[in-house]
Amino acid sequence: RYILSSLIGVMKKLFISIILTAVSTSVLAQELNNEFLQGKWLIIKSGDYFTEDLGVGEDIWEFKNNTWTVNTSGKALHPEEFVIEGNILIIGNYQIKVVDHNSNMLLVDTSGIKQQLERIKKD
């Protein structure tokens, strides 16, 4: 009886965990939209290295309406229009995969290099 009771307890915990994972995944998928991205995002990590440790200056992604602008060490590049398809940001012919995100963090895959961005300003 003890083994059966323990097994049922473990199965209940597993079932609840699966339900919570499914719910949190669907919430994340709903958040990735134009409104969610609005504001400025600082690249804090590129690959396995923190950008501060690399001494490469600051790279900021700014999303405003339907445009994406990269600011590199205080110099803004030409704004580009973007669209979102699922978890992919499409900017011209360029695609950025959003691997994970929450209200203050983006983890993206840019041509095989994972980058972590932190929200520094929400519009």
PDB file of N, CA and C in Angstrom:
ATOM      1  N   ARG A   1       0.826  -1.199   0.000  1.00  0.00           N
ATOM      2  CA  ARG A   1       0.000   0.000   0.000  1.00  0.00           C
ATOM      3  C   ARG A   1       0.863   1.253   0.000  1.00  0.00           C
ATOM      4  N   TYR A   2       1.917   1.241   0.785  1.00  0.00           N
ATOM      5  CA  TYR A   2       2.782   2.419   0.883  1.00  0.00           C
ATOM      6  C   TYR A   2       3.392   2.759  -0.475  1.00  0.00           C
ATOM      7  N   ILE A   3       3.818   1.724  -1.215  1.00  0.00           N
ATOM      8  CA  ILE A   3       4.417   1.942  -2.532  1.00  0.00           C
ATOM      9  C   ILE A   3       3.373   2.511  -3.498  1.00  0.00           C
ATOM     10  N   LEU A   4       2.170   1.948  -3.466  1.00  0.00           N
ATOM     11  CA  LEU A   4       1.099   2.428  -4.332  1.00  0.00           C
ATOM     12  C   LEU A   4       0.737   3.863  -3.992  1.00  0.00           C
ATOM     13  N   SER A   5       0.646   4.186  -2.723  1.00  0.00           N
ATOM     14  CA  SER A   5       0.340   5.549  -2.289  1.00  0.00           C
ATOM     15  C   SER A   5       1.435   6.520  -2.724  1.00  0.00           C
ATOM     16  N   SER A   6       2.687   6.113  -2.584  1.00  0.00           N
ATOM     17  CA  SER A   6       3.807   6.954  -3.011  1.00  0.00           C
ATOM     18  C   SER A   6       3.793   7.167  -4.518  1.00  0.00           C
ATOM     19  N   LEU A   7       3.503   6.111  -5.255  1.00  0.00           N
ATOM     20  CA  LEU A   7       3.452   6.193  -6.710  1.00  0.00           C
ATOM     21  C   LEU A   7       2.339   7.144  -7.155  1.00  0.00           C
ATOM     22  N   ILE A   8       1.203   7.072  -6.533  1.00  0.00           N
ATOM     23  CA  ILE A   8       0.097   7.971  -6.868  1.00  0.00           C
ATOM     24  C   ILE A   8       0.489   9.424  -6.562  1.00  0.00           C
ATOM     25  N   GLY A   9       1.152   9.644  -5.452  1.00  0.00           N
ATOM     26  CA  GLY A   9       1.614  10.993  -5.101  1.00  0.00           C
ATOM     27  C   GLY A   9       2.589  11.546  -6.131  1.00  0.00           C
ATOM     28  N   VAL A  10       3.523  10.722  -6.569  1.00  0.00           N
ATOM     29  CA  VAL A  10       4.497  11.141  -7.584  1.00  0.00           C
ATOM     30  C   VAL A  10       3.786  11.443  -8.903  1.00  0.00           C
ATOM     31  N   MET A  11       2.831  10.598  -9.276  1.00  0.00           N
ATOM     32  CA  MET A  11       2.098  10.807 -10.525  1.00  0.00           C
ATOM     33  C   MET A  11       1.289  12.096 -10.476  1.00  0.00           C
ATOM     34  N   LYS A  12       0.696  12.412  -9.332  1.00  0.00           N
ATOM     35  CA  LYS A  12      -0.055  13.663  -9.185  1.00  0.00           C
ATOM     36  C   LYS A  12       0.879  14.853  -9.378  1.00  0.00           C
ATOM     37  N   LYS A  13       2.051  14.806  -8.746  1.00  0.00           N
ATOM     38  CA  LYS A  13       3.017  15.902  -8.881  1.00  0.00           C
ATOM     39  C   LYS A  13       3.477  16.043 -10.324  1.00  0.00           C
ATOM     40  N   LEU A  14       3.717  14.930 -10.992  1.00  0.00           N
ATOM     41  CA  LEU A  14       4.140  14.952 -12.386  1.00  0.00           C
ATOM     42  C   LEU A  14       3.048  15.546 -13.269  1.00  0.00           C
ATOM     43  N   PHE A  15       1.813  15.145 -13.047  1.00  0.00           N
ATOM     44  CA  PHE A  15       0.682  15.662 -13.821  1.00  0.00           C
ATOM     45  C   PHE A  15       0.536  17.165 -13.627  1.00  0.00           C
ATOM     46  N   ILE A  16       0.633  17.633 -12.399  1.00  0.00           N
ATOM     47  CA  ILE A  16       0.536  19.067 -12.118  1.00  0.00           C
ATOM     48  C   ILE A  16       1.684  19.814 -12.784  1.00  0.00           C
ATOM     49  N   SER A  17       2.871  19.251 -12.739  1.00  0.00           N
ATOM     50  CA  SER A  17       4.035  19.872 -13.375  1.00  0.00           C
ATOM     51  C   SER A  17       3.838  19.997 -14.881  1.00  0.00           C
ATOM     52  N   ILE A  18       3.301  18.958 -15.501  1.00  0.00           N
ATOM     53  CA  ILE A  18       3.053  18.984 -16.947  1.00  0.00           C
ATOM     54  C   ILE A  18       2.019  20.052 -17.283  1.00  0.00           C
ATOM     55  N   ILE A  19       0.960  20.143 -16.514  1.00  0.00           N
ATOM     56  CA  ILE A  19      -0.078  21.151 -16.743  1.00  0.00           C
ATOM     57  C   ILE A  19       0.505  22.558 -16.607  1.00  0.00           C
ATOM     58  N   LEU A  20       1.286  22.798 -15.549  1.00  0.00           N
ATOM     59  CA  LEU A  20       1.884  24.116 -15.343  1.00  0.00           C
ATOM     60  C   LEU A  20       2.849  24.479 -16.462  1.00  0.00           C
ATOM     61  N   THR A  21       3.614  23.519 -16.940  1.00  0.00           N
ATOM     62  CA  THR A  21       4.530  23.766 -18.053  1.00  0.00           C
ATOM     63  C   THR A  21       3.761  24.136 -19.311  1.00  0.00           C
ATOM     64  N   ALA A  22       2.695  23.419 -19.590  1.00  0.00           N
ATOM     65  CA  ALA A  22       1.882  23.709 -20.777  1.00  0.00           C
ATOM     66  C   ALA A  22       1.255  25.097 -20.687  1.00  0.00           C
ATOM     67  N   VAL A  23       0.755  25.451 -19.519  1.00  0.00           N
ATOM     68  CA  VAL A  23       0.145  26.773 -19.331  1.00  0.00           C
ATOM     69  C   VAL A  23       1.187  27.863 -19.468  1.00  0.00           C
ATOM     70  N   SER A  24       2.352  27.708 -18.835  1.00  0.00           N
ATOM     71  CA  SER A  24       3.383  28.749 -18.913  1.00  0.00           C
ATOM     72  C   SER A  24       3.925  28.881 -20.323  1.00  0.00           C
ATOM     73  N   THR A  25       4.025  27.783 -21.074  1.00  0.00           N
ATOM     74  CA  THR A  25       4.485  27.843 -22.455  1.00  0.00           C
ATOM     75  C   THR A  25       3.485  28.600 -23.306  1.00  0.00           C
ATOM     76  N   SER A  26       2.201  28.370 -23.116  1.00  0.00           N
ATOM     77  CA  SER A  26       1.212  29.082 -23.920  1.00  0.00           C
ATOM     78  C   SER A  26       1.176  30.555 -23.546  1.00  0.00           C
ATOM     79  N   VAL A  27       1.421  30.894 -22.287  1.00  0.00           N
ATOM     80  CA  VAL A  27       1.480  32.299 -21.883  1.00  0.00           C
ATOM     81  C   VAL A  27       2.658  32.976 -22.551  1.00  0.00           C
ATOM     82  N   LEU A  28       3.835  32.316 -22.582  1.00  0.00           N
ATOM     83  CA  LEU A  28       4.999  32.888 -23.240  1.00  0.00           C
ATOM     84  C   LEU A  28       4.725  33.121 -24.716  1.00  0.00           C
ATOM     85  N   ALA A  29       4.103  32.174 -25.369  1.00  0.00           N
ATOM     86  CA  ALA A  29       3.834  32.313 -26.791  1.00  0.00           C
ATOM     87  C   ALA A  29       2.910  33.490 -27.047  1.00  0.00           C
ATOM     88  N   GLN A  30       1.965  33.751 -26.164  1.00  0.00           N
ATOM     89  CA  GLN A  30       1.048  34.866 -26.334  1.00  0.00           C
ATOM     90  C   GLN A  30       1.734  36.198 -26.115  1.00  0.00           C
ATOM     91  N   GLU A  31       2.782  36.239 -25.285  1.00  0.00           N
ATOM     92  CA  GLU A  31       3.450  37.499 -24.984  1.00  0.00           C
ATOM     93  C   GLU A  31       4.313  37.999 -26.123  1.00  0.00           C
ATOM     94  N   LEU A  32       4.859  37.128 -26.950  1.00  0.00           N
ATOM     95  CA  LEU A  32       5.774  37.566 -27.998  1.00  0.00           C
ATOM     96  C   LEU A  32       4.972  38.190 -29.129  1.00  0.00           C
ATOM     97  N   ASN A  33       4.827  39.492 -29.047  1.00  0.00           N
ATOM     98  CA  ASN A  33       4.156  40.244 -30.092  1.00  0.00           C
ATOM     99  C   ASN A  33       4.772  41.634 -30.138  1.00  0.00           C
ATOM    100  N   ASN A  34       4.292  42.438 -31.056  1.00  0.00           N
ATOM    101  CA  ASN A  34       4.847  43.770 -31.254  1.00  0.00           C
ATOM    102  C   ASN A  34       4.785  44.592 -29.970  1.00  0.00           C
ATOM    103  N   GLU A  35       3.665  44.544 -29.296  1.00  0.00           N
ATOM    104  CA  GLU A  35       3.496  45.321 -28.055  1.00  0.00           C
ATOM    105  C   GLU A  35       4.501  44.899 -26.985  1.00  0.00           C
ATOM    106  N   PHE A  36       4.733  43.597 -26.852  1.00  0.00           N
ATOM    107  CA  PHE A  36       5.680  43.088 -25.857  1.00  0.00           C
ATOM    108  C   PHE A  36       7.086  43.616 -26.106  1.00  0.00           C
ATOM    109  N   LEU A  37       7.522  43.669 -27.365  1.00  0.00           N
ATOM    110  CA  LEU A  37       8.892  44.043 -27.697  1.00  0.00           C
ATOM    111  C   LEU A  37       9.183  45.533 -27.552  1.00  0.00           C
ATOM    112  N   GLN A  38       8.167  46.368 -27.561  1.00  0.00           N
ATOM    113  CA  GLN A  38       8.368  47.814 -27.561  1.00  0.00           C
ATOM    114  C   GLN A  38       9.301  48.266 -26.439  1.00  0.00           C
ATOM    115  N   GLY A  39      10.275  49.088 -26.808  1.00  0.00           N
ATOM    116  CA  GLY A  39      11.217  49.616 -25.836  1.00  0.00           C
ATOM    117  C   GLY A  39      12.648  49.307 -26.234  1.00  0.00           C
ATOM    118  N   LYS A  40      13.550  49.441 -25.262  1.00  0.00           N
ATOM    119  CA  LYS A  40      14.974  49.242 -25.507  1.00  0.00           C
ATOM    120  C   LYS A  40      15.473  48.021 -24.755  1.00  0.00           C
ATOM    121  N   TRP A  41      16.325  47.246 -25.435  1.00  0.00           N
ATOM    122  CA  TRP A  41      16.879  46.006 -24.900  1.00  0.00           C
ATOM    123  C   TRP A  41      18.392  46.042 -25.051  1.00  0.00           C
ATOM    124  N   LEU A  42      19.113  45.857 -23.964  1.00  0.00           N
ATOM    125  CA  LEU A  42      20.572  45.858 -23.955  1.00  0.00           C
ATOM    126  C   LEU A  42      21.087  44.426 -24.084  1.00  0.00           C
ATOM    127  N   ILE A  43      22.013  44.201 -25.026  1.00  0.00           N
ATOM    128  CA  ILE A  43      22.641  42.879 -25.142  1.00  0.00           C
ATOM    129  C   ILE A  43      23.631  42.750 -23.992  1.00  0.00           C
ATOM    130  N   ILE A  44      23.374  41.795 -23.084  1.00  0.00           N
ATOM    131  CA  ILE A  44      24.247  41.622 -21.924  1.00  0.00           C
ATOM    132  C   ILE A  44      25.153  40.403 -22.050  1.00  0.00           C
ATOM    133  N   LYS A  45      24.798  39.497 -22.968  1.00  0.00           N
ATOM    134  CA  LYS A  45      25.596  38.287 -23.124  1.00  0.00           C
ATOM    135  C   LYS A  45      25.551  37.860 -24.587  1.00  0.00           C
ATOM    136  N   SER A  46      26.711  37.479 -25.105  1.00  0.00           N
ATOM    137  CA  SER A  46      26.803  36.978 -26.464  1.00  0.00           C
ATOM    138  C   SER A  46      27.585  35.671 -26.410  1.00  0.00           C
ATOM    139  N   GLY A  47      26.927  34.597 -26.815  1.00  0.00           N
ATOM    140  CA  GLY A  47      27.542  33.278 -26.637  1.00  0.00           C
ATOM    141  C   GLY A  47      27.688  32.999 -25.156  1.00  0.00           C
ATOM    142  N   ASP A  48      28.881  32.618 -24.746  1.00  0.00           N
ATOM    143  CA  ASP A  48      29.138  32.311 -23.337  1.00  0.00           C
ATOM    144  C   ASP A  48      29.714  33.500 -22.567  1.00  0.00           C
ATOM    145  N   TYR A  49      29.804  34.656 -23.217  1.00  0.00           N
ATOM    146  CA  TYR A  49      30.506  35.788 -22.606  1.00  0.00           C
ATOM    147  C   TYR A  49      29.588  36.975 -22.355  1.00  0.00           C
ATOM    148  N   PHE A  50      29.775  37.599 -21.200  1.00  0.00           N
ATOM    149  CA  PHE A  50      29.068  38.841 -20.916  1.00  0.00           C
ATOM    150  C   PHE A  50      29.723  39.948 -21.725  1.00  0.00           C
ATOM    151  N   THR A  51      28.911  40.750 -22.395  1.00  0.00           N
ATOM    152  CA  THR A  51      29.458  41.784 -23.275  1.00  0.00           C
ATOM    153  C   THR A  51      30.287  42.806 -22.499  1.00  0.00           C
ATOM    154  N   GLU A  52      29.951  43.044 -21.251  1.00  0.00           N
ATOM    155  CA  GLU A  52      30.736  43.963 -20.423  1.00  0.00           C
ATOM    156  C   GLU A  52      32.180  43.477 -20.293  1.00  0.00           C
ATOM    157  N   ASP A  53      32.349  42.154 -20.149  1.00  0.00           N
ATOM    158  CA  ASP A  53      33.689  41.573 -20.017  1.00  0.00           C
ATOM    159  C   ASP A  53      34.466  41.616 -21.339  1.00  0.00           C
ATOM    160  N   LEU A  54      33.751  41.655 -22.470  1.00  0.00           N
ATOM    161  CA  LEU A  54      34.405  41.664 -23.771  1.00  0.00           C
ATOM    162  C   LEU A  54      34.926  43.053 -24.152  1.00  0.00           C
ATOM    163  N   GLY A  55      34.394  44.093 -23.504  1.00  0.00           N
ATOM    164  CA  GLY A  55      34.826  45.447 -23.801  1.00  0.00           C
ATOM    165  C   GLY A  55      34.461  45.906 -25.203  1.00  0.00           C
ATOM    166  N   VAL A  56      33.316  45.469 -25.699  1.00  0.00           N
ATOM    167  CA  VAL A  56      32.903  45.816 -27.064  1.00  0.00           C
ATOM    168  C   VAL A  56      31.948  47.001 -27.124  1.00  0.00           C
ATOM    169  N   GLY A  57      31.668  47.625 -25.992  1.00  0.00           N
ATOM    170  CA  GLY A  57      30.707  48.722 -25.975  1.00  0.00           C
ATOM    171  C   GLY A  57      29.300  48.190 -25.813  1.00  0.00           C
ATOM    172  N   GLU A  58      28.345  49.090 -25.839  1.00  0.00           N
ATOM    173  CA  GLU A  58      26.949  48.697 -25.647  1.00  0.00           C
ATOM    174  C   GLU A  58      26.239  48.539 -26.981  1.00  0.00           C
ATOM    175  N   ASP A  59      25.499  47.464 -27.093  1.00  0.00           N
ATOM    176  CA  ASP A  59      24.611  47.249 -28.237  1.00  0.00           C
ATOM    177  C   ASP A  59      23.194  47.195 -27.693  1.00  0.00           C
ATOM    178  N   ILE A  60      22.352  48.072 -28.209  1.00  0.00           N
ATOM    179  CA  ILE A  60      20.966  48.164 -27.761  1.00  0.00           C
ATOM    180  C   ILE A  60      20.054  47.954 -28.953  1.00  0.00           C
ATOM    181  N   TRP A  61      19.059  47.095 -28.766  1.00  0.00           N
ATOM    182  CA  TRP A  61      18.011  46.930 -29.761  1.00  0.00           C
ATOM    183  C   TRP A  61      16.842  47.780 -29.306  1.00  0.00           C
ATOM    184  N   GLU A  62      16.320  48.598 -30.198  1.00  0.00           N
ATOM    185  CA  GLU A  62      15.152  49.413 -29.872  1.00  0.00           C
ATOM    186  C   GLU A  62      14.010  49.049 -30.807  1.00  0.00           C
ATOM    187  N   PHE A  63      12.886  48.701 -30.223  1.00  0.00           N
ATOM    188  CA  PHE A  63      11.680  48.398 -30.974  1.00  0.00           C
ATOM    189  C   PHE A  63      10.709  49.551 -30.764  1.00  0.00           C
ATOM    190  N   LYS A  64      10.328  50.176 -31.853  1.00  0.00           N
ATOM    191  CA  LYS A  64       9.382  51.291 -31.783  1.00  0.00           C
ATOM    192  C   LYS A  64       8.386  51.106 -32.915  1.00  0.00           C
ATOM    193  N   ASN A  65       7.118  50.936 -32.526  1.00  0.00           N
ATOM    194  CA  ASN A  65       6.063  50.607 -33.475  1.00  0.00           C
ATOM    195  C   ASN A  65       6.468  49.341 -34.229  1.00  0.00           C
ATOM    196  N   ASN A  66       6.643  49.413 -35.538  1.00  0.00           N
ATOM    197  CA  ASN A  66       7.026  48.209 -36.284  1.00  0.00           C
ATOM    198  C   ASN A  66       8.456  48.315 -36.818  1.00  0.00           C
ATOM    199  N   THR A  67       9.306  49.119 -36.121  1.00  0.00           N
ATOM    200  CA  THR A  67      10.700  49.228 -36.552  1.00  0.00           C
ATOM    201  C   THR A  67      11.648  48.745 -35.466  1.00  0.00           C
ATOM    202  N   TRP A  68      12.790  48.283 -35.928  1.00  0.00           N
ATOM    203  CA  TRP A  68      13.866  47.767 -35.077  1.00  0.00           C
ATOM    204  C   TRP A  68      15.113  48.552 -35.424  1.00  0.00           C
ATOM    205  N   THR A  69      15.737  49.144 -34.417  1.00  0.00           N
ATOM    206  CA  THR A  69      16.964  49.905 -34.625  1.00  0.00           C
ATOM    207  C   THR A  69      18.032  49.363 -33.697  1.00  0.00           C
ATOM    208  N   VAL A  70      19.233  49.182 -34.224  1.00  0.00           N
ATOM    209  CA  VAL A  70      20.362  48.757 -33.412  1.00  0.00           C
ATOM    210  C   VAL A  70      21.196  49.999 -33.119  1.00  0.00           C
ATOM    211  N   ASN A  71      21.475  50.213 -31.839  1.00  0.00           N
ATOM    212  CA  ASN A  71      22.362  51.288 -31.403  1.00  0.00           C
ATOM    213  C   ASN A  71      23.640  50.640 -30.903  1.00  0.00           C
ATOM    214  N   THR A  72      24.752  50.916 -31.595  1.00  0.00           N
ATOM    215  CA  THR A  72      26.035  50.348 -31.238  1.00  0.00           C
ATOM    216  C   THR A  72      26.932  51.447 -30.708  1.00  0.00           C
ATOM    217  N   SER A  73      27.280  51.346 -29.432  1.00  0.00           N
ATOM    218  CA  SER A  73      28.132  52.338 -28.768  1.00  0.00           C
ATOM    219  C   SER A  73      27.656  53.762 -29.039  1.00  0.00           C
ATOM    220  N   GLY A  74      26.332  53.963 -28.943  1.00  0.00           N
ATOM    221  CA  GLY A  74      25.765  55.301 -29.087  1.00  0.00           C
ATOM    222  C   GLY A  74      25.437  55.717 -30.513  1.00  0.00           C
ATOM    223  N   LYS A  75      25.754  54.891 -31.500  1.00  0.00           N
ATOM    224  CA  LYS A  75      25.462  55.225 -32.901  1.00  0.00           C
ATOM    225  C   LYS A  75      24.328  54.355 -33.401  1.00  0.00           C
ATOM    226  N   ALA A  76      23.249  55.011 -33.828  1.00  0.00           N
ATOM    227  CA  ALA A  76      22.078  54.281 -34.300  1.00  0.00           C
ATOM    228  C   ALA A  76      22.233  53.914 -35.766  1.00  0.00           C
ATOM    229  N   LEU A  77      21.991  52.659 -36.071  1.00  0.00           N
ATOM    230  CA  LEU A  77      21.962  52.206 -37.450  1.00  0.00           C
ATOM    231  C   LEU A  77      20.589  52.531 -38.035  1.00  0.00           C
ATOM    232  N   HIS A  78      20.452  52.384 -39.319  1.00  0.00           N
ATOM    233  CA  HIS A  78      19.192  52.689 -40.004  1.00  0.00           C
ATOM    234  C   HIS A  78      18.072  51.787 -39.473  1.00  0.00           C
ATOM    235  N   PRO A  79      16.917  52.367 -39.095  1.00  0.00           N
ATOM    236  CA  PRO A  79      15.793  51.532 -38.627  1.00  0.00           C
ATOM    237  C   PRO A  79      15.311  50.588 -39.720  1.00  0.00           C
ATOM    238  N   GLU A  80      14.933  49.398 -39.302  1.00  0.00           N
ATOM    239  CA  GLU A  80      14.417  48.377 -40.225  1.00  0.00           C
ATOM    240  C   GLU A  80      13.029  47.963 -39.760  1.00  0.00           C
ATOM    241  N   GLU A  81      12.135  47.717 -40.709  1.00  0.00           N
ATOM    242  CA  GLU A  81      10.824  47.181 -40.348  1.00  0.00           C
ATOM    243  C   GLU A  81      10.969  45.715 -39.968  1.00  0.00           C
ATOM    244  N   PHE A  82      10.142  45.283 -39.013  1.00  0.00           N
ATOM    245  CA  PHE A  82      10.167  43.881 -38.599  1.00  0.00           C
ATOM    246  C   PHE A  82       8.754  43.337 -38.512  1.00  0.00           C
ATOM    247  N   VAL A  83       8.658  42.024 -38.621  1.00  0.00           N
ATOM    248  CA  VAL A  83       7.408  41.306 -38.380  1.00  0.00           C
ATOM    249  C   VAL A  83       7.738  40.104 -37.501  1.00  0.00           C
ATOM    250  N   ILE A  84       6.731  39.597 -36.834  1.00  0.00           N
ATOM    251  CA  ILE A  84       6.890  38.432 -35.971  1.00  0.00           C
ATOM    252  C   ILE A  84       6.062  37.295 -36.556  1.00  0.00           C
ATOM    253  N   GLU A  85       6.710  36.149 -36.734  1.00  0.00           N
ATOM    254  CA  GLU A  85       6.008  34.933 -37.148  1.00  0.00           C
ATOM    255  C   GLU A  85       6.345  33.853 -36.142  1.00  0.00           C
ATOM    256  N   GLY A  86       5.400  33.579 -35.246  1.00  0.00           N
ATOM    257  CA  GLY A  86       5.645  32.608 -34.176  1.00  0.00           C
ATOM    258  C   GLY A  86       6.703  33.137 -33.241  1.00  0.00           C
ATOM    259  N   ASN A  87       7.849  32.451 -33.175  1.00  0.00           N
ATOM    260  CA  ASN A  87       8.947  32.908 -32.313  1.00  0.00           C
ATOM    261  C   ASN A  87      10.117  33.450 -33.150  1.00  0.00           C
ATOM    262  N   ILE A  88       9.820  33.876 -34.370  1.00  0.00           N
ATOM    263  CA  ILE A  88      10.848  34.383 -35.281  1.00  0.00           C
ATOM    264  C   ILE A  88      10.603  35.868 -35.567  1.00  0.00           C
ATOM    265  N   LEU A  89      11.644  36.675 -35.373  1.00  0.00           N
ATOM    266  CA  LEU A  89      11.616  38.073 -35.803  1.00  0.00           C
ATOM    267  C   LEU A  89      12.184  38.103 -37.213  1.00  0.00           C
ATOM    268  N   ILE A  90      11.441  38.669 -38.146  1.00  0.00           N
ATOM    269  CA  ILE A  90      11.899  38.763 -39.520  1.00  0.00           C
ATOM    270  C   ILE A  90      12.168  40.231 -39.818  1.00  0.00           C
ATOM    271  N   ILE A  91      13.421  40.517 -40.159  1.00  0.00           N
ATOM    272  CA  ILE A  91      13.868  41.868 -40.445  1.00  0.00           C
ATOM    273  C   ILE A  91      14.512  41.813 -41.828  1.00  0.00           C
ATOM    274  N   GLY A  92      13.764  42.230 -42.841  1.00  0.00           N
ATOM    275  CA  GLY A  92      14.242  42.084 -44.212  1.00  0.00           C
ATOM    276  C   GLY A  92      14.425  40.607 -44.529  1.00  0.00           C
ATOM    277  N   ASN A  93      15.621  40.233 -44.969  1.00  0.00           N
ATOM    278  CA  ASN A  93      15.933  38.826 -45.248  1.00  0.00           C
ATOM    279  C   ASN A  93      16.547  38.121 -44.046  1.00  0.00           C
ATOM    280  N   TYR A  94      16.661  38.824 -42.936  1.00  0.00           N
ATOM    281  CA  TYR A  94      17.326  38.323 -41.749  1.00  0.00           C
ATOM    282  C   TYR A  94      16.298  37.785 -40.758  1.00  0.00           C
ATOM    283  N   GLN A  95      16.591  36.642 -40.133  1.00  0.00           N
ATOM    284  CA  GLN A  95      15.683  36.047 -39.148  1.00  0.00           C
ATOM    285  C   GLN A  95      16.399  35.854 -37.819  1.00  0.00           C
ATOM    286  N   ILE A  96      15.706  36.217 -36.755  1.00  0.00           N
ATOM    287  CA  ILE A  96      16.210  36.037 -35.392  1.00  0.00           C
ATOM    288  C   ILE A  96      15.207  35.171 -34.654  1.00  0.00           C
ATOM    289  N   LYS A  97      15.685  34.061 -34.124  1.00  0.00           N
ATOM    290  CA  LYS A  97      14.805  33.149 -33.382  1.00  0.00           C
ATOM    291  C   LYS A  97      14.798  33.545 -31.909  1.00  0.00           C
ATOM    292  N   VAL A  98      13.605  33.752 -31.348  1.00  0.00           N
ATOM    293  CA  VAL A  98      13.464  34.026 -29.926  1.00  0.00           C
ATOM    294  C   VAL A  98      13.353  32.679 -29.220  1.00  0.00           C
ATOM    295  N   VAL A  99      14.387  32.335 -28.461  1.00  0.00           N
ATOM    296  CA  VAL A  99      14.467  31.043 -27.791  1.00  0.00           C
ATOM    297  C   VAL A  99      13.667  31.052 -26.494  1.00  0.00           C
ATOM    298  N   ASP A 100      13.736  32.166 -25.767  1.00  0.00           N
ATOM    299  CA  ASP A 100      13.036  32.296 -24.487  1.00  0.00           C
ATOM    300  C   ASP A 100      12.827  33.777 -24.226  1.00  0.00           C
ATOM    301  N   HIS A 101      11.838  34.101 -23.415  1.00  0.00           N
ATOM    302  CA  HIS A 101      11.600  35.496 -23.074  1.00  0.00           C
ATOM    303  C   HIS A 101      10.692  35.614 -21.864  1.00  0.00           C
ATOM    304  N   ASN A 102      10.870  36.728 -21.172  1.00  0.00           N
ATOM    305  CA  ASN A 102       9.923  37.125 -20.133  1.00  0.00           C
ATOM    306  C   ASN A 102       9.879  38.637 -20.156  1.00  0.00           C
ATOM    307  N   SER A 103       9.223  39.262 -19.217  1.00  0.00           N
ATOM    308  CA  SER A 103       9.010  40.707 -19.289  1.00  0.00           C
ATOM    309  C   SER A 103      10.297  41.517 -19.281  1.00  0.00           C
ATOM    310  N   ASN A 104      11.392  40.967 -18.782  1.00  0.00           N
ATOM    311  CA  ASN A 104      12.645  41.713 -18.688  1.00  0.00           C
ATOM    312  C   ASN A 104      13.816  41.076 -19.427  1.00  0.00           C
ATOM    313  N   MET A 105      13.598  39.962 -20.157  1.00  0.00           N
ATOM    314  CA  MET A 105      14.708  39.244 -20.768  1.00  0.00           C
ATOM    315  C   MET A 105      14.286  38.645 -22.104  1.00  0.00           C
ATOM    316  N   LEU A 106      15.206  38.702 -23.067  1.00  0.00           N
ATOM    317  CA  LEU A 106      15.058  37.997 -24.334  1.00  0.00           C
ATOM    318  C   LEU A 106      16.281  37.111 -24.513  1.00  0.00           C
ATOM    319  N   LEU A 107      16.091  35.885 -24.908  1.00  0.00           N
ATOM    320  CA  LEU A 107      17.184  35.009 -25.295  1.00  0.00           C
ATOM    321  C   LEU A 107      16.942  34.697 -26.764  1.00  0.00           C
ATOM    322  N   VAL A 108      17.880  35.123 -27.614  1.00  0.00           N
ATOM    323  CA  VAL A 108      17.691  34.969 -29.050  1.00  0.00           C
ATOM    324  C   VAL A 108      18.835  34.179 -29.662  1.00  0.00           C
ATOM    325  N   ASP A 109      18.561  33.605 -30.816  1.00  0.00           N
ATOM    326  CA  ASP A 109      19.570  32.909 -31.601  1.00  0.00           C
ATOM    327  C   ASP A 109      19.730  33.705 -32.891  1.00  0.00           C
ATOM    328  N   THR A 110      20.880  34.351 -33.027  1.00  0.00           N
ATOM    329  CA  THR A 110      21.169  35.141 -34.220  1.00  0.00           C
ATOM    330  C   THR A 110      22.245  34.407 -35.016  1.00  0.00           C
ATOM    331  N   SER A 111      21.815  33.709 -36.045  1.00  0.00           N
ATOM    332  CA  SER A 111      22.724  32.947 -36.914  1.00  0.00           C
ATOM    333  C   SER A 111      23.605  31.982 -36.136  1.00  0.00           C
ATOM    334  N   GLY A 112      23.023  31.300 -35.153  1.00  0.00           N
ATOM    335  CA  GLY A 112      23.752  30.296 -34.386  1.00  0.00           C
ATOM    336  C   GLY A 112      24.423  30.827 -33.134  1.00  0.00           C
ATOM    337  N   ILE A 113      24.394  32.121 -32.911  1.00  0.00           N
ATOM    338  CA  ILE A 113      24.976  32.703 -31.696  1.00  0.00           C
ATOM    339  C   ILE A 113      23.837  33.113 -30.776  1.00  0.00           C
ATOM    340  N   LYS A 114      23.833  32.554 -29.576  1.00  0.00           N
ATOM    341  CA  LYS A 114      22.799  32.923 -28.606  1.00  0.00           C
ATOM    342  C   LYS A 114      23.202  34.216 -27.926  1.00  0.00           C
ATOM    343  N   GLN A 115      22.243  35.127 -27.848  1.00  0.00           N
ATOM    344  CA  GLN A 115      22.451  36.391 -27.177  1.00  0.00           C
ATOM    345  C   GLN A 115      21.352  36.590 -26.152  1.00  0.00           C
ATOM    346  N   GLN A 116      21.733  37.167 -25.019  1.00  0.00           N
ATOM    347  CA  GLN A 116      20.762  37.488 -23.978  1.00  0.00           C
ATOM    348  C   GLN A 116      20.635  39.000 -23.890  1.00  0.00           C
ATOM    349  N   LEU A 117      19.401  39.475 -23.939  1.00  0.00           N
ATOM    350  CA  LEU A 117      19.128  40.897 -23.852  1.00  0.00           C
ATOM    351  C   LEU A 117      18.294  41.173 -22.611  1.00  0.00           C
ATOM    352  N   GLU A 118      18.533  42.315 -22.015  1.00  0.00           N
ATOM    353  CA  GLU A 118      17.797  42.733 -20.825  1.00  0.00           C
ATOM    354  C   GLU A 118      17.057  44.027 -21.151  1.00  0.00           C
ATOM    355  N   ARG A 119      15.783  44.086 -20.769  1.00  0.00           N
ATOM    356  CA  ARG A 119      14.992  45.289 -21.032  1.00  0.00           C
ATOM    357  C   ARG A 119      15.546  46.425 -20.177  1.00  0.00           C
ATOM    358  N   ILE A 120      15.825  47.561 -20.831  1.00  0.00           N
ATOM    359  CA  ILE A 120      16.294  48.722 -20.076  1.00  0.00           C
ATOM    360  C   ILE A 120      15.279  49.858 -20.106  1.00  0.00           C
ATOM    361  N   LYS A 121      14.326  49.783 -21.024  1.00  0.00           N
ATOM    362  CA  LYS A 121      13.267  50.786 -21.073  1.00  0.00           C
ATOM    363  C   LYS A 121      12.084  50.203 -21.823  1.00  0.00           C
ATOM    364  N   LYS A 122      10.913  50.330 -21.222  1.00  0.00           N
ATOM    365  CA  LYS A 122       9.698  49.883 -21.884  1.00  0.00           C
ATOM    366  C   LYS A 122       8.923  51.104 -22.347  1.00  0.00           C
ATOM    367  N   ASP A 123       8.542  51.110 -23.615  1.00  0.00           N
ATOM    368  CA  ASP A 123       7.755  52.239 -24.143  1.00  0.00           C
ATOM    369  C   ASP A 123       6.287  51.995 -23.943  1.00  0.00           C
TER     370      ASP A 123
END
